[in-house]
Amino acid sequence: MSFQSAMELPKDLERGLAVLTVFGDGELHVQNHRGILAFDSNCIQILSRKGRIAISGERLWIRYYDREEIHVIGQIRGISIC
């Protein structure tokens, strides 16, 4: 792999699609979101370019949030894209 190809953005990021990274059952990192639609300790709904991302679980909270990224912490039971 060349240095140039290693420095290129993943295709999902180039297209503005949401990128979800799951760390076990306790953390979720979302890149390229379009905003938070709903939030409570059992469900967080995030808008993406392709629809809605629904995170269900227990004791959910948003550890970090900015214009491009959201980091969710808690007992994650399910993730669905609608």
PDB file of N, CA and C in Angstrom:
ATOM      1  N   MET A   1       0.848  -1.164   0.000  1.00  0.00           N
ATOM      2  CA  MET A   1       0.000   0.000   0.000  1.00  0.00           C
ATOM      3  C   MET A   1       0.899   1.235   0.000  1.00  0.00           C
ATOM      4  N   SER A   2       0.607   2.157  -0.892  1.00  0.00           N
ATOM      5  CA  SER A   2       1.407   3.371  -0.971  1.00  0.00           C
ATOM      6  C   SER A   2       0.966   4.375   0.087  1.00  0.00           C
ATOM      7  N   PHE A   3       1.834   5.343   0.339  1.00  0.00           N
ATOM      8  CA  PHE A   3       1.502   6.394   1.306  1.00  0.00           C
ATOM      9  C   PHE A   3       0.273   7.162   0.853  1.00  0.00           C
ATOM     10  N   GLN A   4       0.176   7.443  -0.439  1.00  0.00           N
ATOM     11  CA  GLN A   4      -0.965   8.200  -0.958  1.00  0.00           C
ATOM     12  C   GLN A   4      -2.271   7.452  -0.731  1.00  0.00           C
ATOM     13  N   SER A   5      -2.305   6.148  -1.024  1.00  0.00           N
ATOM     14  CA  SER A   5      -3.538   5.390  -0.821  1.00  0.00           C
ATOM     15  C   SER A   5      -3.859   5.247   0.666  1.00  0.00           C
ATOM     16  N   ALA A   6      -2.838   5.191   1.518  1.00  0.00           N
ATOM     17  CA  ALA A   6      -3.076   5.104   2.957  1.00  0.00           C
ATOM     18  C   ALA A   6      -3.675   6.394   3.497  1.00  0.00           C
ATOM     19  N   MET A   7      -3.391   7.520   2.855  1.00  0.00           N
ATOM     20  CA  MET A   7      -3.885   8.815   3.325  1.00  0.00           C
ATOM     21  C   MET A   7      -5.235   9.183   2.722  1.00  0.00           C
ATOM     22  N   GLU A   8      -5.756   8.394   1.788  1.00  0.00           N
ATOM     23  CA  GLU A   8      -7.057   8.675   1.192  1.00  0.00           C
ATOM     24  C   GLU A   8      -8.169   8.369   2.180  1.00  0.00           C
ATOM     25  N   LEU A   9      -9.258   9.113   2.073  1.00  0.00           N
ATOM     26  CA  LEU A   9     -10.419   8.875   2.922  1.00  0.00           C
ATOM     27  C   LEU A   9     -11.138   7.605   2.489  1.00  0.00           C
ATOM     28  N   PRO A  10     -11.716   6.887   3.433  1.00  0.00           N
ATOM     29  CA  PRO A  10     -12.552   5.744   3.059  1.00  0.00           C
ATOM     30  C   PRO A  10     -13.697   6.213   2.169  1.00  0.00           C
ATOM     31  N   LYS A  11     -14.162   5.368   1.265  1.00  0.00           N
ATOM     32  CA  LYS A  11     -15.215   5.726   0.309  1.00  0.00           C
ATOM     33  C   LYS A  11     -16.486   6.206   0.999  1.00  0.00           C
ATOM     34  N   ASP A  12     -16.848   5.603   2.141  1.00  0.00           N
ATOM     35  CA  ASP A  12     -18.043   6.024   2.868  1.00  0.00           C
ATOM     36  C   ASP A  12     -17.935   7.482   3.298  1.00  0.00           C
ATOM     37  N   LEU A  13     -16.760   7.863   3.804  1.00  0.00           N
ATOM     38  CA  LEU A  13     -16.571   9.242   4.234  1.00  0.00           C
ATOM     39  C   LEU A  13     -16.578  10.198   3.050  1.00  0.00           C
ATOM     40  N   GLU A  14     -15.971   9.792   1.946  1.00  0.00           N
ATOM     41  CA  GLU A  14     -15.974  10.632   0.753  1.00  0.00           C
ATOM     42  C   GLU A  14     -17.394  10.917   0.283  1.00  0.00           C
ATOM     43  N   ARG A  15     -18.270   9.946   0.362  1.00  0.00           N
ATOM     44  CA  ARG A  15     -19.645  10.087  -0.111  1.00  0.00           C
ATOM     45  C   ARG A  15     -20.569  10.732   0.925  1.00  0.00           C
ATOM     46  N   GLY A  16     -20.057  10.996   2.099  1.00  0.00           N
ATOM     47  CA  GLY A  16     -20.864  11.605   3.140  1.00  0.00           C
ATOM     48  C   GLY A  16     -21.776  10.633   3.851  1.00  0.00           C
ATOM     49  N   LEU A  17     -21.524   9.335   3.707  1.00  0.00           N
ATOM     50  CA  LEU A  17     -22.343   8.327   4.376  1.00  0.00           C
ATOM     51  C   LEU A  17     -21.919   8.183   5.832  1.00  0.00           C
ATOM     52  N   ALA A  18     -22.839   7.779   6.665  1.00  0.00           N
ATOM     53  CA  ALA A  18     -22.531   7.558   8.074  1.00  0.00           C
ATOM     54  C   ALA A  18     -21.595   6.362   8.212  1.00  0.00           C
ATOM     55  N   VAL A  19     -20.641   6.503   9.106  1.00  0.00           N
ATOM     56  CA  VAL A  19     -19.725   5.416   9.431  1.00  0.00           C
ATOM     57  C   VAL A  19     -19.919   5.102  10.909  1.00  0.00           C
ATOM     58  N   LEU A  20     -20.300   3.858  11.212  1.00  0.00           N
ATOM     59  CA  LEU A  20     -20.542   3.429  12.587  1.00  0.00           C
ATOM     60  C   LEU A  20     -19.416   2.514  13.026  1.00  0.00           C
ATOM     61  N   THR A  21     -18.842   2.809  14.173  1.00  0.00           N
ATOM     62  CA  THR A  21     -17.811   1.963  14.761  1.00  0.00           C
ATOM     63  C   THR A  21     -18.311   1.521  16.129  1.00  0.00           C
ATOM     64  N   VAL A  22     -18.426   0.219  16.315  1.00  0.00           N
ATOM     65  CA  VAL A  22     -18.951  -0.341  17.557  1.00  0.00           C
ATOM     66  C   VAL A  22     -17.794  -0.932  18.354  1.00  0.00           C
ATOM     67  N   PHE A  23     -17.760  -0.598  19.642  1.00  0.00           N
ATOM     68  CA  PHE A  23     -16.754  -1.122  20.551  1.00  0.00           C
ATOM     69  C   PHE A  23     -17.478  -1.978  21.586  1.00  0.00           C
ATOM     70  N   GLY A  24     -17.510  -3.287  21.349  1.00  0.00           N
ATOM     71  CA  GLY A  24     -18.209  -4.198  22.250  1.00  0.00           C
ATOM     72  C   GLY A  24     -19.691  -3.871  22.295  1.00  0.00           C
ATOM     73  N   ASP A  25     -20.277  -3.950  23.495  1.00  0.00           N
ATOM     74  CA  ASP A  25     -21.694  -3.608  23.633  1.00  0.00           C
ATOM     75  C   ASP A  25     -21.876  -2.332  24.452  1.00  0.00           C
ATOM     76  N   GLY A  26     -20.784  -1.549  24.595  1.00  0.00           N
ATOM     77  CA  GLY A  26     -20.862  -0.378  25.439  1.00  0.00           C
ATOM     78  C   GLY A  26     -20.549   0.953  24.806  1.00  0.00           C
ATOM     79  N   GLU A  27     -20.085   0.949  23.543  1.00  0.00           N
ATOM     80  CA  GLU A  27     -19.735   2.209  22.897  1.00  0.00           C
ATOM     81  C   GLU A  27     -20.047   2.154  21.411  1.00  0.00           C
ATOM     82  N   LEU A  28     -20.485   3.288  20.882  1.00  0.00           N
ATOM     83  CA  LEU A  28     -20.755   3.430  19.453  1.00  0.00           C
ATOM     84  C   LEU A  28     -20.283   4.806  19.023  1.00  0.00           C
ATOM     85  N   HIS A  29     -19.516   4.849  17.953  1.00  0.00           N
ATOM     86  CA  HIS A  29     -19.029   6.110  17.397  1.00  0.00           C
ATOM     87  C   HIS A  29     -19.653   6.267  16.012  1.00  0.00           C
ATOM     88  N   VAL A  30     -20.301   7.397  15.765  1.00  0.00           N
ATOM     89  CA  VAL A  30     -20.956   7.670  14.481  1.00  0.00           C
ATOM     90  C   VAL A  30     -20.296   8.889  13.844  1.00  0.00           C
ATOM     91  N   GLN A  31     -19.817   8.720  12.621  1.00  0.00           N
ATOM     92  CA  GLN A  31     -19.263   9.834  11.855  1.00  0.00           C
ATOM     93  C   GLN A  31     -20.237  10.186  10.733  1.00  0.00           C
ATOM     94  N   ASN A  32     -20.216  11.432  10.309  1.00  0.00           N
ATOM     95  CA  ASN A  32     -21.058  11.926   9.201  1.00  0.00           C
ATOM     96  C   ASN A  32     -22.548  11.861   9.516  1.00  0.00           C
ATOM     97  N   HIS A  33     -22.937  12.254  10.705  1.00  0.00           N
ATOM     98  CA  HIS A  33     -24.356  12.310  11.045  1.00  0.00           C
ATOM     99  C   HIS A  33     -24.942  13.638  10.561  1.00  0.00           C
ATOM    100  N   ARG A  34     -26.259  13.727  10.612  1.00  0.00           N
ATOM    101  CA  ARG A  34     -26.960  14.951  10.220  1.00  0.00           C
ATOM    102  C   ARG A  34     -27.752  15.552  11.378  1.00  0.00           C
ATOM    103  N   GLY A  35     -27.583  15.007  12.574  1.00  0.00           N
ATOM    104  CA  GLY A  35     -28.252  15.558  13.740  1.00  0.00           C
ATOM    105  C   GLY A  35     -28.916  14.489  14.583  1.00  0.00           C
ATOM    106  N   ILE A  36     -29.305  14.896  15.789  1.00  0.00           N
ATOM    107  CA  ILE A  36     -29.992  14.003  16.719  1.00  0.00           C
ATOM    108  C   ILE A  36     -31.489  14.254  16.596  1.00  0.00           C
ATOM    109  N   LEU A  37     -32.247  13.191  16.352  1.00  0.00           N
ATOM    110  CA  LEU A  37     -33.702  13.299  16.221  1.00  0.00           C
ATOM    111  C   LEU A  37     -34.408  13.114  17.557  1.00  0.00           C
ATOM    112  N   ALA A  38     -33.944  12.175  18.359  1.00  0.00           N
ATOM    113  CA  ALA A  38     -34.569  11.885  19.657  1.00  0.00           C
ATOM    114  C   ALA A  38     -33.510  11.295  20.574  1.00  0.00           C
ATOM    115  N   PHE A  39     -33.714  11.537  21.873  1.00  0.00           N
ATOM    116  CA  PHE A  39     -32.746  11.041  22.835  1.00  0.00           C
ATOM    117  C   PHE A  39     -33.425  10.779  24.173  1.00  0.00           C
ATOM    118  N   ASP A  40     -33.263   9.574  24.687  1.00  0.00           N
ATOM    119  CA  ASP A  40     -33.548   9.276  26.090  1.00  0.00           C
ATOM    120  C   ASP A  40     -32.620   8.131  26.491  1.00  0.00           C
ATOM    121  N   SER A  41     -32.712   7.684  27.704  1.00  0.00           N
ATOM    122  CA  SER A  41     -31.744   6.700  28.198  1.00  0.00           C
ATOM    123  C   SER A  41     -31.910   5.308  27.600  1.00  0.00           C
ATOM    124  N   ASN A  42     -33.009   5.085  26.855  1.00  0.00           N
ATOM    125  CA  ASN A  42     -33.244   3.779  26.239  1.00  0.00           C
ATOM    126  C   ASN A  42     -33.178   3.785  24.713  1.00  0.00           C
ATOM    127  N   CYS A  43     -33.185   4.954  24.111  1.00  0.00           N
ATOM    128  CA  CYS A  43     -33.165   5.033  22.651  1.00  0.00           C
ATOM    129  C   CYS A  43     -32.598   6.373  22.188  1.00  0.00           C
ATOM    130  N   ILE A  44     -31.693   6.313  21.236  1.00  0.00           N
ATOM    131  CA  ILE A  44     -31.164   7.513  20.600  1.00  0.00           C
ATOM    132  C   ILE A  44     -31.391   7.348  19.109  1.00  0.00           C
ATOM    133  N   GLN A  45     -31.978   8.365  18.483  1.00  0.00           N
ATOM    134  CA  GLN A  45     -32.199   8.344  17.039  1.00  0.00           C
ATOM    135  C   GLN A  45     -31.379   9.457  16.404  1.00  0.00           C
ATOM    136  N   ILE A  46     -30.598   9.063  15.405  1.00  0.00           N
ATOM    137  CA  ILE A  46     -29.686   9.975  14.726  1.00  0.00           C
ATOM    138  C   ILE A  46     -30.042   9.998  13.248  1.00  0.00           C
ATOM    139  N   LEU A  47     -30.047  11.166  12.671  1.00  0.00           N
ATOM    140  CA  LEU A  47     -30.321  11.300  11.235  1.00  0.00           C
ATOM    141  C   LEU A  47     -29.023  11.132  10.464  1.00  0.00           C
ATOM    142  N   SER A  48     -29.083  10.344   9.396  1.00  0.00           N
ATOM    143  CA  SER A  48     -27.939  10.183   8.497  1.00  0.00           C
ATOM    144  C   SER A  48     -28.398  10.506   7.077  1.00  0.00           C
ATOM    145  N   ARG A  49     -27.473  10.518   6.181  1.00  0.00           N
ATOM    146  CA  ARG A  49     -27.794  10.820   4.785  1.00  0.00           C
ATOM    147  C   ARG A  49     -28.737   9.778   4.181  1.00  0.00           C
ATOM    148  N   LYS A  50     -28.642   8.547   4.639  1.00  0.00           N
ATOM    149  CA  LYS A  50     -29.450   7.451   4.099  1.00  0.00           C
ATOM    150  C   LYS A  50     -30.673   7.113   4.940  1.00  0.00           C
ATOM    151  N   GLY A  51     -30.924   7.853   6.004  1.00  0.00           N
ATOM    152  CA  GLY A  51     -32.086   7.569   6.839  1.00  0.00           C
ATOM    153  C   GLY A  51     -31.797   7.781   8.306  1.00  0.00           C
ATOM    154  N   ARG A  52     -32.522   7.039   9.122  1.00  0.00           N
ATOM    155  CA  ARG A  52     -32.448   7.177  10.574  1.00  0.00           C
ATOM    156  C   ARG A  52     -31.687   6.000  11.174  1.00  0.00           C
ATOM    157  N   ILE A  53     -30.807   6.306  12.108  1.00  0.00           N
ATOM    158  CA  ILE A  53     -30.074   5.287  12.858  1.00  0.00           C
ATOM    159  C   ILE A  53     -30.680   5.270  14.255  1.00  0.00           C
ATOM    160  N   ALA A  54     -31.227   4.134  14.663  1.00  0.00           N
ATOM    161  CA  ALA A  54     -31.838   4.003  15.986  1.00  0.00           C
ATOM    162  C   ALA A  54     -30.959   3.094  16.838  1.00  0.00           C
ATOM    163  N   ILE A  55     -30.535   3.604  17.985  1.00  0.00           N
ATOM    164  CA  ILE A  55     -29.721   2.853  18.927  1.00  0.00           C
ATOM    165  C   ILE A  55     -30.596   2.571  20.148  1.00  0.00           C
ATOM    166  N   SER A  56     -30.778   1.302  20.468  1.00  0.00           N
ATOM    167  CA  SER A  56     -31.587   0.952  21.635  1.00  0.00           C
ATOM    168  C   SER A  56     -30.694   0.315  22.686  1.00  0.00           C
ATOM    169  N   GLY A  57     -31.091   0.486  23.933  1.00  0.00           N
ATOM    170  CA  GLY A  57     -30.315  -0.089  25.018  1.00  0.00           C
ATOM    171  C   GLY A  57     -30.754   0.445  26.353  1.00  0.00           C
ATOM    172  N   GLU A  58     -29.821   0.472  27.280  1.00  0.00           N
ATOM    173  CA  GLU A  58     -30.083   0.943  28.639  1.00  0.00           C
ATOM    174  C   GLU A  58     -28.982   1.905  29.062  1.00  0.00           C
ATOM    175  N   ARG A  59     -29.371   2.892  29.829  1.00  0.00           N
ATOM    176  CA  ARG A  59     -28.436   3.900  30.350  1.00  0.00           C
ATOM    177  C   ARG A  59     -27.607   4.528  29.235  1.00  0.00           C
ATOM    178  N   LEU A  60     -28.237   4.801  28.104  1.00  0.00           N
ATOM    179  CA  LEU A  60     -27.537   5.422  26.977  1.00  0.00           C
ATOM    180  C   LEU A  60     -27.339   6.912  27.236  1.00  0.00           C
ATOM    181  N   TRP A  61     -26.210   7.406  26.880  1.00  0.00           N
ATOM    182  CA  TRP A  61     -25.954   8.835  26.930  1.00  0.00           C
ATOM    183  C   TRP A  61     -24.914   9.207  25.890  1.00  0.00           C
ATOM    184  N   ILE A  62     -24.905  10.453  25.539  1.00  0.00           N
ATOM    185  CA  ILE A  62     -23.987  10.945  24.508  1.00  0.00           C
ATOM    186  C   ILE A  62     -22.767  11.520  25.210  1.00  0.00           C
ATOM    187  N   ARG A  63     -21.665  10.825  25.020  1.00  0.00           N
ATOM    188  CA  ARG A  63     -20.417  11.244  25.658  1.00  0.00           C
ATOM    189  C   ARG A  63     -19.786  12.418  24.934  1.00  0.00           C
ATOM    190  N   TYR A  64     -19.929  12.425  23.603  1.00  0.00           N
ATOM    191  CA  TYR A  64     -19.305  13.462  22.793  1.00  0.00           C
ATOM    192  C   TYR A  64     -20.187  13.732  21.589  1.00  0.00           C
ATOM    193  N   TYR A  65     -20.316  15.009  21.224  1.00  0.00           N
ATOM    194  CA  TYR A  65     -21.151  15.390  20.091  1.00  0.00           C
ATOM    195  C   TYR A  65     -20.568  16.648  19.455  1.00  0.00           C
ATOM    196  N   ASP A  66     -20.387  16.616  18.152  1.00  0.00           N
ATOM    197  CA  ASP A  66     -20.065  17.831  17.416  1.00  0.00           C
ATOM    198  C   ASP A  66     -20.703  17.748  16.039  1.00  0.00           C
ATOM    199  N   ARG A  67     -20.361  18.639  15.164  1.00  0.00           N
ATOM    200  CA  ARG A  67     -20.996  18.741  13.856  1.00  0.00           C
ATOM    201  C   ARG A  67     -20.851  17.474  13.014  1.00  0.00           C
ATOM    202  N   GLU A  68     -19.806  16.709  13.244  1.00  0.00           N
ATOM    203  CA  GLU A  68     -19.532  15.540  12.401  1.00  0.00           C
ATOM    204  C   GLU A  68     -19.570  14.208  13.127  1.00  0.00           C
ATOM    205  N   GLU A  69     -19.418  14.210  14.453  1.00  0.00           N
ATOM    206  CA  GLU A  69     -19.280  12.948  15.181  1.00  0.00           C
ATOM    207  C   GLU A  69     -20.154  12.906  16.426  1.00  0.00           C
ATOM    208  N   ILE A  70     -20.588  11.699  16.754  1.00  0.00           N
ATOM    209  CA  ILE A  70     -21.320  11.434  17.991  1.00  0.00           C
ATOM    210  C   ILE A  70     -20.722  10.171  18.608  1.00  0.00           C
ATOM    211  N   HIS A  71     -20.513  10.204  19.905  1.00  0.00           N
ATOM    212  CA  HIS A  71     -20.006   9.026  20.608  1.00  0.00           C
ATOM    213  C   HIS A  71     -21.008   8.667  21.699  1.00  0.00           C
ATOM    214  N   VAL A  72     -21.601   7.490  21.602  1.00  0.00           N
ATOM    215  CA  VAL A  72     -22.642   7.033  22.519  1.00  0.00           C
ATOM    216  C   VAL A  72     -22.056   5.987  23.459  1.00  0.00           C
ATOM    217  N   ILE A  73     -22.416   6.103  24.730  1.00  0.00           N
ATOM    218  CA  ILE A  73     -21.959   5.184  25.769  1.00  0.00           C
ATOM    219  C   ILE A  73     -23.200   4.584  26.443  1.00  0.00           C
ATOM    220  N   GLY A  74     -23.099   3.362  26.897  1.00  0.00           N
ATOM    221  CA  GLY A  74     -24.187   2.712  27.628  1.00  0.00           C
ATOM    222  C   GLY A  74     -24.258   1.245  27.261  1.00  0.00           C
ATOM    223  N   GLN A  75     -25.301   0.583  27.678  1.00  0.00           N
ATOM    224  CA  GLN A  75     -25.514  -0.826  27.343  1.00  0.00           C
ATOM    225  C   GLN A  75     -26.285  -0.887  26.037  1.00  0.00           C
ATOM    226  N   ILE A  76     -25.577  -1.049  24.928  1.00  0.00           N
ATOM    227  CA  ILE A  76     -26.204  -1.044  23.604  1.00  0.00           C
ATOM    228  C   ILE A  76     -26.757  -2.430  23.316  1.00  0.00           C
ATOM    229  N   ARG A  77     -28.055  -2.491  23.032  1.00  0.00           N
ATOM    230  CA  ARG A  77     -28.736  -3.748  22.749  1.00  0.00           C
ATOM    231  C   ARG A  77     -28.990  -3.945  21.263  1.00  0.00           C
ATOM    232  N   GLY A  78     -29.159  -2.846  20.521  1.00  0.00           N
ATOM    233  CA  GLY A  78     -29.442  -2.971  19.097  1.00  0.00           C
ATOM    234  C   GLY A  78     -29.200  -1.677  18.344  1.00  0.00           C
ATOM    235  N   ILE A  79     -28.887  -1.835  17.066  1.00  0.00           N
ATOM    236  CA  ILE A  79     -28.693  -0.706  16.160  1.00  0.00           C
ATOM    237  C   ILE A  79     -29.460  -1.031  14.894  1.00  0.00           C
ATOM    238  N   SER A  80     -30.327  -0.122  14.478  1.00  0.00           N
ATOM    239  CA  SER A  80     -31.058  -0.354  13.222  1.00  0.00           C
ATOM    240  C   SER A  80     -30.983   0.912  12.367  1.00  0.00           C
ATOM    241  N   ILE A  81     -31.008   0.688  11.076  1.00  0.00           N
ATOM    242  CA  ILE A  81     -30.985   1.798  10.108  1.00  0.00           C
ATOM    243  C   ILE A  81     -32.280   1.719   9.319  1.00  0.00           C
ATOM    244  N   CYS A  82     -33.070   2.777   9.402  1.00  0.00           N
ATOM    245  CA  CYS A  82     -34.383   2.798   8.753  1.00  0.00           C
ATOM    246  C   CYS A  82     -34.417   3.822   7.631  1.00  0.00           C
TER     247      CYS A  82
END
